[in-house]
């Protein structure tokens, strides 16, 4: 029997041109992901912050949300203005009812602000950059741990942060994070910004 390793068995010739490149070698549609910067302001000044590697002002503005499978809302710190996040999510949902929408934040206090935004999301990723973040995170974590909320909860914990005495049973955890030089985008993602007039 001949080995078939490395041979692509999917015949793409009969597919419309725009779909040929979207299929993975397994025949699955590649996910289209947008990392959307809501605004660049932040309450932190992290030494290795990825936003220092990008010319945020000159990033392309995204106005068509209909083409994405996932939209990742980020900043700066989006939770500085929770109502802007809710307005943005509603605008996205109007254009695209099926996209998964996730928020990336380090600001979990006051917890009711984040809970209000969470109602409109499919999930959140919280990053603990420094030890002080843990104390603020504790309040939010206690609320969701004792609740029936079923969302995607992801927690990024930077190296050296002590998270003892926290019940993290609802979280998918990435531990010992460090800053990555030049901050490459994950495969399949595009980085764009929201028009400042819409904030």
N, C-alpha and C. Protein backbone atom coordinates (compact mmCIF):
# COMPACT_ATOMS: atom_id res chain seq x y z
N UNK A 1 0.85 -1.18 0.00
CA UNK A 1 0.00 0.00 0.00
C UNK A 1 0.89 1.24 0.00
N UNK A 2 0.54 2.21 -0.81
CA UNK A 2 1.32 3.44 -0.91
C UNK A 2 1.01 4.35 0.27
N UNK A 3 2.04 5.02 0.78
CA UNK A 3 1.83 6.01 1.84
C UNK A 3 1.28 7.30 1.25
N UNK A 4 0.35 7.91 1.96
CA UNK A 4 -0.27 9.13 1.48
C UNK A 4 0.12 10.36 2.29
N UNK A 5 1.12 10.23 3.14
CA UNK A 5 1.53 11.37 3.95
C UNK A 5 1.92 12.55 3.08
N UNK A 6 1.43 13.73 3.45
CA UNK A 6 1.82 14.94 2.75
C UNK A 6 1.05 15.21 1.48
N UNK A 7 0.13 14.31 1.10
CA UNK A 7 -0.65 14.52 -0.12
C UNK A 7 -1.98 15.16 0.26
N UNK A 8 -2.33 16.23 -0.43
CA UNK A 8 -3.59 16.91 -0.19
C UNK A 8 -4.66 16.23 -1.02
N UNK A 9 -5.59 15.55 -0.36
CA UNK A 9 -6.61 14.78 -1.07
C UNK A 9 -7.85 15.60 -1.41
N UNK A 10 -7.85 16.86 -1.10
CA UNK A 10 -9.01 17.70 -1.39
C UNK A 10 -8.85 18.30 -2.77
N UNK A 11 -9.80 18.03 -3.63
CA UNK A 11 -9.79 18.61 -4.97
C UNK A 11 -10.48 19.96 -4.89
N UNK A 12 -9.69 21.02 -5.00
CA UNK A 12 -10.23 22.37 -4.89
C UNK A 12 -10.62 22.94 -6.24
N UNK A 13 -10.35 22.22 -7.31
CA UNK A 13 -10.56 22.79 -8.65
C UNK A 13 -12.02 23.10 -8.94
N UNK A 14 -12.95 22.38 -8.32
CA UNK A 14 -14.36 22.62 -8.58
C UNK A 14 -14.96 23.69 -7.69
N UNK A 15 -14.17 24.24 -6.79
CA UNK A 15 -14.69 25.26 -5.88
C UNK A 15 -14.60 26.64 -6.51
N UNK A 16 -15.51 27.54 -6.11
CA UNK A 16 -15.37 28.92 -6.55
C UNK A 16 -14.01 29.47 -6.11
N UNK A 17 -13.44 30.36 -6.89
CA UNK A 17 -12.10 30.88 -6.63
C UNK A 17 -11.95 31.43 -5.21
N UNK A 18 -12.96 32.17 -4.72
CA UNK A 18 -12.83 32.80 -3.40
C UNK A 18 -12.83 31.78 -2.26
N UNK A 19 -13.25 30.53 -2.50
CA UNK A 19 -13.23 29.52 -1.45
C UNK A 19 -11.99 28.64 -1.48
N UNK A 20 -11.30 28.58 -2.60
CA UNK A 20 -10.16 27.68 -2.72
C UNK A 20 -9.10 27.95 -1.66
N UNK A 21 -8.80 29.22 -1.43
CA UNK A 21 -7.74 29.55 -0.48
C UNK A 21 -8.23 29.59 0.96
N UNK A 22 -9.54 29.56 1.18
CA UNK A 22 -10.07 29.63 2.53
C UNK A 22 -10.10 28.27 3.21
N UNK A 23 -9.98 27.19 2.45
CA UNK A 23 -10.04 25.87 3.05
C UNK A 23 -8.68 25.43 3.55
N UNK A 24 -8.69 24.84 4.74
CA UNK A 24 -7.46 24.27 5.27
C UNK A 24 -7.20 22.96 4.53
N UNK A 25 -6.01 22.36 4.71
CA UNK A 25 -5.74 21.08 4.05
C UNK A 25 -6.75 19.99 4.44
N UNK A 26 -7.43 20.13 5.58
CA UNK A 26 -8.42 19.14 6.00
C UNK A 26 -9.79 19.44 5.41
N UNK A 27 -9.91 20.50 4.63
CA UNK A 27 -11.19 20.83 4.02
C UNK A 27 -12.07 21.71 4.88
N UNK A 28 -11.55 22.16 6.02
CA UNK A 28 -12.33 23.02 6.90
C UNK A 28 -12.10 24.48 6.53
N UNK A 29 -13.13 25.28 6.68
CA UNK A 29 -13.00 26.71 6.40
C UNK A 29 -12.11 27.34 7.46
N UNK A 30 -11.13 28.12 7.02
CA UNK A 30 -10.26 28.83 7.95
C UNK A 30 -11.06 29.92 8.66
N UNK A 31 -10.86 30.04 9.96
CA UNK A 31 -11.54 31.08 10.74
C UNK A 31 -10.97 32.44 10.38
N UNK A 32 -11.84 33.41 10.18
CA UNK A 32 -11.39 34.78 9.95
C UNK A 32 -11.55 35.54 11.26
N UNK A 33 -10.42 36.02 11.79
CA UNK A 33 -10.43 36.69 13.09
C UNK A 33 -9.97 38.13 12.96
N UNK A 34 -10.67 38.99 13.65
CA UNK A 34 -10.33 40.41 13.70
C UNK A 34 -9.95 40.77 15.12
N UNK A 35 -8.76 41.32 15.29
CA UNK A 35 -8.36 41.92 16.57
C UNK A 35 -8.62 43.42 16.41
N UNK A 36 -9.64 43.91 17.10
CA UNK A 36 -10.12 45.27 16.91
C UNK A 36 -9.74 46.16 18.09
N UNK A 37 -8.91 47.16 17.81
CA UNK A 37 -8.53 48.12 18.85
C UNK A 37 -9.64 49.15 18.96
N UNK A 38 -10.28 49.18 20.13
CA UNK A 38 -11.39 50.10 20.37
C UNK A 38 -10.85 51.51 20.53
N UNK A 39 -9.89 51.67 21.42
CA UNK A 39 -9.14 52.92 21.54
C UNK A 39 -7.82 52.61 22.21
N UNK A 40 -6.86 53.52 22.07
CA UNK A 40 -5.49 53.23 22.51
C UNK A 40 -5.21 53.60 23.97
N UNK A 41 -6.09 54.38 24.61
CA UNK A 41 -5.85 54.81 25.98
C UNK A 41 -5.80 53.60 26.91
N UNK A 42 -4.93 53.73 27.93
CA UNK A 42 -4.76 52.64 28.90
C UNK A 42 -4.40 53.24 30.25
N UNK A 43 -4.82 52.58 31.32
CA UNK A 43 -4.51 53.02 32.67
C UNK A 43 -3.19 52.43 33.17
N UNK A 44 -2.53 51.66 32.35
CA UNK A 44 -1.23 51.07 32.70
C UNK A 44 -0.16 51.62 31.77
N UNK A 45 1.07 51.36 32.11
CA UNK A 45 2.18 51.72 31.22
C UNK A 45 3.20 50.58 31.24
N UNK A 46 2.76 49.42 30.79
CA UNK A 46 3.59 48.22 30.82
C UNK A 46 4.80 48.39 29.90
N UNK A 47 5.95 47.99 30.38
CA UNK A 47 7.21 48.17 29.65
C UNK A 47 7.19 47.45 28.31
N UNK A 48 6.67 46.24 28.26
CA UNK A 48 6.69 45.45 27.02
C UNK A 48 5.40 45.50 26.22
N UNK A 49 4.56 46.48 26.47
CA UNK A 49 3.24 46.54 25.83
C UNK A 49 3.35 46.46 24.31
N UNK A 50 2.56 45.58 23.72
CA UNK A 50 2.55 45.39 22.26
C UNK A 50 2.15 46.65 21.50
N UNK A 51 1.34 47.49 22.11
CA UNK A 51 0.89 48.70 21.40
C UNK A 51 2.04 49.64 21.08
N UNK A 52 3.16 49.50 21.78
CA UNK A 52 4.33 50.32 21.47
C UNK A 52 5.01 49.88 20.18
N UNK A 53 4.71 48.65 19.74
CA UNK A 53 5.31 48.12 18.51
C UNK A 53 4.49 48.43 17.26
N UNK A 54 3.29 48.96 17.44
CA UNK A 54 2.40 49.23 16.31
C UNK A 54 2.15 50.72 16.17
N UNK A 55 1.99 51.17 14.96
CA UNK A 55 1.58 52.55 14.69
C UNK A 55 0.05 52.57 14.69
N UNK A 56 -0.52 52.65 15.89
CA UNK A 56 -1.97 52.48 16.05
C UNK A 56 -2.78 53.51 15.26
N UNK A 57 -2.27 54.72 15.20
CA UNK A 57 -2.99 55.79 14.52
C UNK A 57 -3.16 55.50 13.03
N UNK A 58 -2.23 54.75 12.46
CA UNK A 58 -2.27 54.47 11.03
C UNK A 58 -2.76 53.07 10.67
N UNK A 59 -3.26 52.34 11.67
CA UNK A 59 -3.86 51.04 11.37
C UNK A 59 -5.12 51.26 10.53
N UNK A 60 -5.45 50.32 9.66
CA UNK A 60 -6.68 50.47 8.89
C UNK A 60 -7.91 50.45 9.81
N UNK A 61 -8.91 51.22 9.44
CA UNK A 61 -10.17 51.27 10.19
C UNK A 61 -11.09 50.18 9.63
N UNK A 62 -11.68 49.40 10.53
CA UNK A 62 -12.63 48.37 10.08
C UNK A 62 -14.05 48.90 10.18
N UNK A 63 -14.78 48.78 9.09
CA UNK A 63 -16.18 49.21 9.07
C UNK A 63 -17.12 48.06 8.71
N UNK A 64 -16.57 46.97 8.17
CA UNK A 64 -17.39 45.83 7.75
C UNK A 64 -17.11 44.64 8.65
N UNK A 65 -17.99 44.40 9.60
CA UNK A 65 -17.79 43.31 10.56
C UNK A 65 -18.41 42.00 10.09
N UNK A 66 -19.08 42.02 8.96
CA UNK A 66 -19.84 40.86 8.49
C UNK A 66 -18.96 39.69 8.05
N UNK A 67 -17.69 39.95 7.76
CA UNK A 67 -16.83 38.93 7.17
C UNK A 67 -16.08 38.07 8.19
N UNK A 68 -16.25 38.32 9.48
CA UNK A 68 -15.43 37.65 10.49
C UNK A 68 -16.20 36.57 11.25
N UNK A 69 -15.45 35.53 11.65
CA UNK A 69 -15.99 34.48 12.50
C UNK A 69 -15.79 34.81 13.98
N UNK A 70 -14.69 35.49 14.28
CA UNK A 70 -14.38 35.92 15.65
C UNK A 70 -13.89 37.35 15.63
N UNK A 71 -14.33 38.11 16.63
CA UNK A 71 -13.87 39.48 16.78
C UNK A 71 -13.38 39.65 18.21
N UNK A 72 -12.12 40.05 18.34
CA UNK A 72 -11.46 40.19 19.63
C UNK A 72 -11.32 41.68 19.93
N UNK A 73 -12.02 42.16 20.94
CA UNK A 73 -12.00 43.58 21.29
C UNK A 73 -10.86 43.84 22.25
N UNK A 74 -10.03 44.82 21.92
CA UNK A 74 -8.86 45.10 22.73
C UNK A 74 -8.59 46.59 22.73
N UNK A 75 -7.47 46.99 23.28
CA UNK A 75 -7.12 48.41 23.35
C UNK A 75 -5.61 48.54 23.31
N UNK A 76 -5.21 49.53 23.92
CA UNK A 76 -5.40 50.18 25.19
C UNK A 76 -6.16 49.29 26.17
N UNK A 77 -6.92 49.94 27.01
CA UNK A 77 -7.76 49.24 27.98
C UNK A 77 -9.22 49.55 27.68
N UNK A 78 -9.92 48.62 27.03
CA UNK A 78 -11.30 48.86 26.64
C UNK A 78 -12.23 49.17 27.81
N UNK A 79 -11.97 48.57 28.97
CA UNK A 79 -12.89 48.73 30.10
C UNK A 79 -12.80 50.09 30.78
N UNK A 80 -11.96 50.99 30.25
CA UNK A 80 -11.98 52.36 30.77
C UNK A 80 -13.31 53.04 30.43
N UNK A 81 -13.95 52.59 29.34
CA UNK A 81 -15.23 53.17 28.93
C UNK A 81 -16.19 52.02 28.58
N UNK A 82 -16.79 51.38 29.59
CA UNK A 82 -17.64 50.21 29.34
C UNK A 82 -18.79 50.46 28.37
N UNK A 83 -19.39 51.63 28.42
CA UNK A 83 -20.51 51.91 27.51
C UNK A 83 -20.08 51.92 26.05
N UNK A 84 -18.85 52.34 25.79
CA UNK A 84 -18.33 52.29 24.41
C UNK A 84 -18.21 50.84 23.93
N UNK A 85 -17.84 49.96 24.84
CA UNK A 85 -17.72 48.54 24.49
C UNK A 85 -19.10 47.99 24.13
N UNK A 86 -20.10 48.30 24.94
CA UNK A 86 -21.45 47.81 24.68
C UNK A 86 -21.97 48.34 23.35
N UNK A 87 -21.75 49.62 23.08
CA UNK A 87 -22.18 50.20 21.79
C UNK A 87 -21.48 49.52 20.62
N UNK A 88 -20.19 49.25 20.79
CA UNK A 88 -19.42 48.59 19.73
C UNK A 88 -19.94 47.18 19.48
N UNK A 89 -20.20 46.45 20.55
CA UNK A 89 -20.72 45.08 20.41
C UNK A 89 -22.06 45.10 19.69
N UNK A 90 -22.93 46.03 20.05
CA UNK A 90 -24.24 46.12 19.39
C UNK A 90 -24.08 46.42 17.90
N UNK A 91 -23.14 47.29 17.56
CA UNK A 91 -22.87 47.62 16.16
C UNK A 91 -22.38 46.37 15.41
N UNK A 92 -21.50 45.62 16.04
CA UNK A 92 -20.99 44.39 15.43
C UNK A 92 -22.11 43.37 15.25
N UNK A 93 -22.92 43.18 16.29
CA UNK A 93 -24.02 42.21 16.22
C UNK A 93 -25.04 42.58 15.14
N UNK A 94 -25.24 43.86 14.92
CA UNK A 94 -26.16 44.30 13.88
C UNK A 94 -25.65 43.85 12.50
N UNK A 95 -24.34 43.90 12.31
CA UNK A 95 -23.73 43.52 11.02
C UNK A 95 -23.47 42.02 10.91
N UNK A 96 -23.28 41.36 12.06
CA UNK A 96 -22.87 39.96 12.05
C UNK A 96 -23.44 39.26 13.28
N UNK A 97 -24.50 38.51 13.08
CA UNK A 97 -25.20 37.86 14.20
C UNK A 97 -24.48 36.60 14.70
N UNK A 98 -23.58 36.04 13.90
CA UNK A 98 -22.99 34.75 14.24
C UNK A 98 -21.55 34.82 14.76
N UNK A 99 -20.88 35.94 14.59
CA UNK A 99 -19.48 36.03 15.03
C UNK A 99 -19.39 35.89 16.55
N UNK A 100 -18.38 35.20 17.00
CA UNK A 100 -18.07 35.15 18.43
C UNK A 100 -17.32 36.43 18.77
N UNK A 101 -17.70 37.07 19.87
CA UNK A 101 -17.06 38.32 20.28
C UNK A 101 -16.47 38.13 21.67
N UNK A 102 -15.16 38.42 21.77
CA UNK A 102 -14.43 38.27 23.02
C UNK A 102 -13.77 39.60 23.38
N UNK A 103 -13.67 39.85 24.67
CA UNK A 103 -13.03 41.06 25.17
C UNK A 103 -11.72 40.70 25.85
N UNK A 104 -10.67 41.45 25.53
CA UNK A 104 -9.37 41.33 26.20
C UNK A 104 -9.23 42.52 27.13
N UNK A 105 -9.00 42.27 28.42
CA UNK A 105 -8.91 43.34 29.39
C UNK A 105 -7.99 42.96 30.55
N UNK A 106 -7.52 43.97 31.25
CA UNK A 106 -6.80 43.78 32.50
C UNK A 106 -7.57 44.46 33.64
N UNK A 107 -8.64 45.15 33.30
CA UNK A 107 -9.39 45.96 34.27
C UNK A 107 -10.67 45.22 34.67
N UNK A 108 -10.65 44.67 35.87
CA UNK A 108 -11.79 43.89 36.35
C UNK A 108 -12.52 44.58 37.50
N UNK A 109 -12.09 45.77 37.86
CA UNK A 109 -12.72 46.50 38.96
C UNK A 109 -13.16 47.86 38.47
N UNK A 110 -14.37 48.29 38.76
CA UNK A 110 -15.39 47.61 39.56
C UNK A 110 -16.00 46.43 38.80
N UNK A 111 -16.26 45.33 39.50
CA UNK A 111 -16.71 44.11 38.83
C UNK A 111 -18.05 44.25 38.12
N UNK A 112 -18.94 45.10 38.60
CA UNK A 112 -20.25 45.24 37.96
C UNK A 112 -20.13 45.83 36.55
N UNK A 113 -19.13 46.67 36.32
CA UNK A 113 -18.90 47.18 34.96
C UNK A 113 -18.60 46.03 34.00
N UNK A 114 -17.70 45.15 34.41
CA UNK A 114 -17.32 44.03 33.54
C UNK A 114 -18.48 43.04 33.39
N UNK A 115 -19.23 42.82 34.45
CA UNK A 115 -20.39 41.93 34.35
C UNK A 115 -21.44 42.48 33.38
N UNK A 116 -21.62 43.80 33.36
CA UNK A 116 -22.57 44.42 32.43
C UNK A 116 -22.14 44.18 30.99
N UNK A 117 -20.86 44.33 30.72
CA UNK A 117 -20.34 44.12 29.37
C UNK A 117 -20.39 42.63 29.01
N UNK A 118 -20.12 41.78 29.98
CA UNK A 118 -20.09 40.33 29.75
C UNK A 118 -21.42 39.81 29.21
N UNK A 119 -22.52 40.45 29.57
CA UNK A 119 -23.84 40.03 29.07
C UNK A 119 -23.90 40.03 27.54
N UNK A 120 -23.09 40.84 26.89
CA UNK A 120 -23.13 41.00 25.43
C UNK A 120 -22.05 40.19 24.71
N UNK A 121 -21.20 39.52 25.47
CA UNK A 121 -20.02 38.84 24.91
C UNK A 121 -20.17 37.32 24.92
N UNK A 122 -19.32 36.67 24.13
CA UNK A 122 -19.20 35.21 24.20
C UNK A 122 -18.15 34.80 25.23
N UNK A 123 -17.29 35.74 25.60
CA UNK A 123 -16.29 35.43 26.60
C UNK A 123 -15.31 36.57 26.78
N UNK A 124 -14.43 36.39 27.77
CA UNK A 124 -13.40 37.39 28.06
C UNK A 124 -12.07 36.71 28.29
N UNK A 125 -11.02 37.47 28.04
CA UNK A 125 -9.67 37.09 28.43
C UNK A 125 -9.16 38.19 29.34
N UNK A 126 -8.85 37.82 30.57
CA UNK A 126 -8.31 38.77 31.55
C UNK A 126 -6.82 38.50 31.67
N UNK A 127 -6.03 39.57 31.68
CA UNK A 127 -4.59 39.43 31.87
C UNK A 127 -4.19 40.10 33.17
N UNK A 128 -3.49 39.33 34.01
CA UNK A 128 -2.94 39.86 35.26
C UNK A 128 -1.48 40.19 35.01
N UNK A 129 -1.19 41.50 34.88
CA UNK A 129 0.17 41.95 34.57
C UNK A 129 1.04 42.08 35.81
N UNK A 130 0.42 42.50 36.92
CA UNK A 130 1.17 42.76 38.15
C UNK A 130 0.36 42.28 39.34
N UNK A 131 1.01 42.18 40.50
CA UNK A 131 0.35 41.61 41.68
C UNK A 131 -0.90 42.39 42.07
N UNK A 132 -0.89 43.71 41.91
CA UNK A 132 -2.06 44.50 42.28
C UNK A 132 -3.30 44.08 41.48
N UNK A 133 -3.12 43.64 40.25
CA UNK A 133 -4.24 43.19 39.43
C UNK A 133 -5.00 42.03 40.08
N UNK A 134 -4.28 41.20 40.84
CA UNK A 134 -4.90 40.04 41.49
C UNK A 134 -5.94 40.49 42.51
N UNK A 135 -5.61 41.52 43.27
CA UNK A 135 -6.54 42.00 44.31
C UNK A 135 -7.83 42.50 43.68
N UNK A 136 -7.73 43.23 42.58
CA UNK A 136 -8.94 43.71 41.89
C UNK A 136 -9.68 42.55 41.23
N UNK A 137 -8.95 41.62 40.65
CA UNK A 137 -9.54 40.46 39.98
C UNK A 137 -10.32 39.59 40.96
N UNK A 138 -9.87 39.52 42.20
CA UNK A 138 -10.49 38.66 43.21
C UNK A 138 -11.99 38.94 43.35
N UNK A 139 -12.38 40.21 43.32
CA UNK A 139 -13.80 40.57 43.46
C UNK A 139 -14.62 40.01 42.30
N UNK A 140 -14.14 40.23 41.09
CA UNK A 140 -14.84 39.74 39.90
C UNK A 140 -14.88 38.22 39.90
N UNK A 141 -13.77 37.59 40.21
CA UNK A 141 -13.69 36.13 40.22
C UNK A 141 -14.66 35.53 41.23
N UNK A 142 -14.77 36.12 42.41
CA UNK A 142 -15.70 35.60 43.42
C UNK A 142 -17.14 35.63 42.92
N UNK A 143 -17.50 36.67 42.18
CA UNK A 143 -18.86 36.78 41.66
C UNK A 143 -19.13 35.70 40.61
N UNK A 144 -18.23 35.55 39.65
CA UNK A 144 -18.52 34.57 38.58
C UNK A 144 -18.37 33.13 39.08
N UNK A 145 -17.48 32.90 40.05
CA UNK A 145 -17.30 31.55 40.57
C UNK A 145 -18.58 31.06 41.26
N UNK A 146 -19.27 31.97 41.93
CA UNK A 146 -20.51 31.60 42.61
C UNK A 146 -21.75 31.75 41.75
N UNK A 147 -21.58 31.93 40.45
CA UNK A 147 -22.73 32.17 39.57
C UNK A 147 -22.92 31.01 38.59
N UNK A 148 -24.00 31.10 37.84
CA UNK A 148 -24.30 30.12 36.79
C UNK A 148 -23.85 30.62 35.41
N UNK A 149 -23.05 31.69 35.37
CA UNK A 149 -22.62 32.27 34.09
C UNK A 149 -21.78 31.25 33.33
N UNK A 150 -22.17 31.01 32.08
CA UNK A 150 -21.41 30.08 31.23
C UNK A 150 -20.93 30.83 30.00
N UNK A 151 -19.74 31.32 30.08
CA UNK A 151 -19.07 32.02 28.98
C UNK A 151 -17.68 31.41 28.86
N UNK A 152 -16.93 31.87 27.87
CA UNK A 152 -15.53 31.49 27.77
C UNK A 152 -14.73 32.43 28.68
N UNK A 153 -14.08 31.85 29.68
CA UNK A 153 -13.25 32.63 30.60
C UNK A 153 -11.81 32.18 30.45
N UNK A 154 -10.96 33.10 30.02
CA UNK A 154 -9.53 32.80 29.86
C UNK A 154 -8.73 33.78 30.71
N UNK A 155 -7.70 33.26 31.34
CA UNK A 155 -6.89 34.06 32.26
C UNK A 155 -5.42 33.94 31.89
N UNK A 156 -4.81 35.07 31.55
CA UNK A 156 -3.37 35.14 31.28
C UNK A 156 -2.69 35.70 32.52
N UNK A 157 -1.72 34.96 33.04
CA UNK A 157 -1.05 35.38 34.26
C UNK A 157 0.43 35.57 33.96
N UNK A 158 0.91 36.79 34.17
CA UNK A 158 2.32 37.07 33.91
C UNK A 158 3.21 36.40 34.94
N UNK A 159 4.42 36.10 34.52
CA UNK A 159 5.42 35.44 35.35
C UNK A 159 5.63 36.22 36.65
N UNK A 160 5.65 35.49 37.76
CA UNK A 160 5.91 36.10 39.06
C UNK A 160 4.66 36.54 39.81
N UNK A 161 3.49 36.39 39.20
CA UNK A 161 2.25 36.80 39.86
C UNK A 161 1.75 35.64 40.72
N UNK A 162 1.46 35.93 41.99
CA UNK A 162 0.99 34.93 42.95
C UNK A 162 -0.54 34.89 42.92
N UNK A 163 -1.09 33.74 42.57
CA UNK A 163 -2.55 33.61 42.50
C UNK A 163 -3.08 32.60 43.51
N UNK A 164 -2.34 32.38 44.59
CA UNK A 164 -2.79 31.44 45.62
C UNK A 164 -4.11 31.90 46.20
N UNK A 165 -4.86 30.94 46.70
CA UNK A 165 -6.14 31.19 47.38
C UNK A 165 -7.22 31.74 46.47
N UNK A 166 -7.12 31.49 45.18
CA UNK A 166 -8.18 31.87 44.25
C UNK A 166 -8.79 30.60 43.66
N UNK A 167 -10.10 30.52 43.63
CA UNK A 167 -10.78 29.42 42.96
C UNK A 167 -10.88 29.78 41.48
N UNK A 168 -10.07 29.16 40.66
CA UNK A 168 -10.02 29.47 39.24
C UNK A 168 -10.65 28.37 38.39
N UNK A 169 -11.63 27.68 38.95
CA UNK A 169 -12.23 26.52 38.28
C UNK A 169 -12.96 26.88 36.99
N UNK A 170 -13.40 28.12 36.83
CA UNK A 170 -14.11 28.51 35.60
C UNK A 170 -13.16 28.99 34.50
N UNK A 171 -11.88 29.09 34.79
CA UNK A 171 -10.93 29.74 33.88
C UNK A 171 -10.04 28.74 33.16
N UNK A 172 -9.75 29.02 31.90
CA UNK A 172 -8.67 28.35 31.17
C UNK A 172 -7.46 29.26 31.37
N UNK A 173 -6.40 28.72 31.94
CA UNK A 173 -5.28 29.54 32.41
C UNK A 173 -4.05 29.37 31.54
N UNK A 174 -3.42 30.50 31.23
CA UNK A 174 -2.11 30.52 30.59
C UNK A 174 -1.18 31.19 31.60
N UNK A 175 -0.28 30.39 32.17
CA UNK A 175 0.59 30.84 33.27
C UNK A 175 1.96 31.30 32.77
N UNK A 176 2.65 32.05 33.61
CA UNK A 176 4.04 32.47 33.36
C UNK A 176 4.22 33.20 32.04
N UNK A 177 3.28 34.08 31.73
CA UNK A 177 3.35 34.87 30.50
C UNK A 177 4.53 35.85 30.58
N UNK A 178 5.11 36.14 29.43
CA UNK A 178 6.13 37.17 29.32
C UNK A 178 5.83 37.98 28.05
N UNK A 179 6.39 39.16 27.98
CA UNK A 179 6.20 39.99 26.78
C UNK A 179 6.97 39.39 25.62
N UNK A 180 6.39 39.41 24.45
CA UNK A 180 7.03 38.89 23.24
C UNK A 180 7.48 40.08 22.40
N UNK A 181 8.76 40.09 22.07
CA UNK A 181 9.30 41.19 21.28
C UNK A 181 8.62 41.26 19.91
N UNK A 182 8.29 42.46 19.50
CA UNK A 182 7.64 42.77 18.22
C UNK A 182 6.21 42.24 18.09
N UNK A 183 5.72 41.57 19.11
CA UNK A 183 4.31 41.15 19.20
C UNK A 183 3.70 40.66 17.89
N UNK A 184 4.14 39.53 17.37
CA UNK A 184 3.53 39.04 16.13
C UNK A 184 2.07 38.65 16.36
N UNK A 185 1.24 38.90 15.37
CA UNK A 185 -0.17 38.50 15.46
C UNK A 185 -0.27 36.98 15.31
N UNK A 186 -1.19 36.37 16.04
CA UNK A 186 -1.42 34.94 15.83
C UNK A 186 -1.88 34.68 14.39
N UNK A 187 -1.60 33.49 13.90
CA UNK A 187 -1.95 33.11 12.53
C UNK A 187 -3.46 33.28 12.32
N UNK A 188 -3.80 33.85 11.19
CA UNK A 188 -5.20 33.99 10.83
C UNK A 188 -5.89 35.24 11.37
N UNK A 189 -5.16 36.07 12.11
CA UNK A 189 -5.75 37.30 12.65
C UNK A 189 -5.31 38.51 11.87
N UNK A 190 -6.19 39.50 11.80
CA UNK A 190 -5.83 40.81 11.27
C UNK A 190 -6.04 41.82 12.39
N UNK A 191 -5.22 42.87 12.38
CA UNK A 191 -5.30 43.92 13.39
C UNK A 191 -5.80 45.19 12.73
N UNK A 192 -6.91 45.69 13.22
CA UNK A 192 -7.48 46.94 12.72
C UNK A 192 -7.99 47.74 13.90
N UNK A 193 -8.46 48.94 13.60
CA UNK A 193 -8.98 49.78 14.68
C UNK A 193 -10.39 50.23 14.36
N UNK A 194 -11.09 50.63 15.41
CA UNK A 194 -12.42 51.19 15.27
C UNK A 194 -12.29 52.67 14.97
N UNK A 195 -13.14 53.18 14.13
CA UNK A 195 -13.16 54.61 13.83
C UNK A 195 -13.44 55.38 15.12
N UNK A 196 -12.55 56.31 15.46
CA UNK A 196 -12.70 57.07 16.71
C UNK A 196 -14.02 57.83 16.79
N UNK A 197 -14.60 58.15 15.66
CA UNK A 197 -15.89 58.86 15.66
C UNK A 197 -17.02 57.99 16.17
N UNK A 198 -16.81 56.67 16.16
CA UNK A 198 -17.86 55.74 16.58
C UNK A 198 -17.78 55.39 18.06
N UNK A 199 -16.74 55.86 18.73
CA UNK A 199 -16.55 55.51 20.14
C UNK A 199 -17.42 56.36 21.03
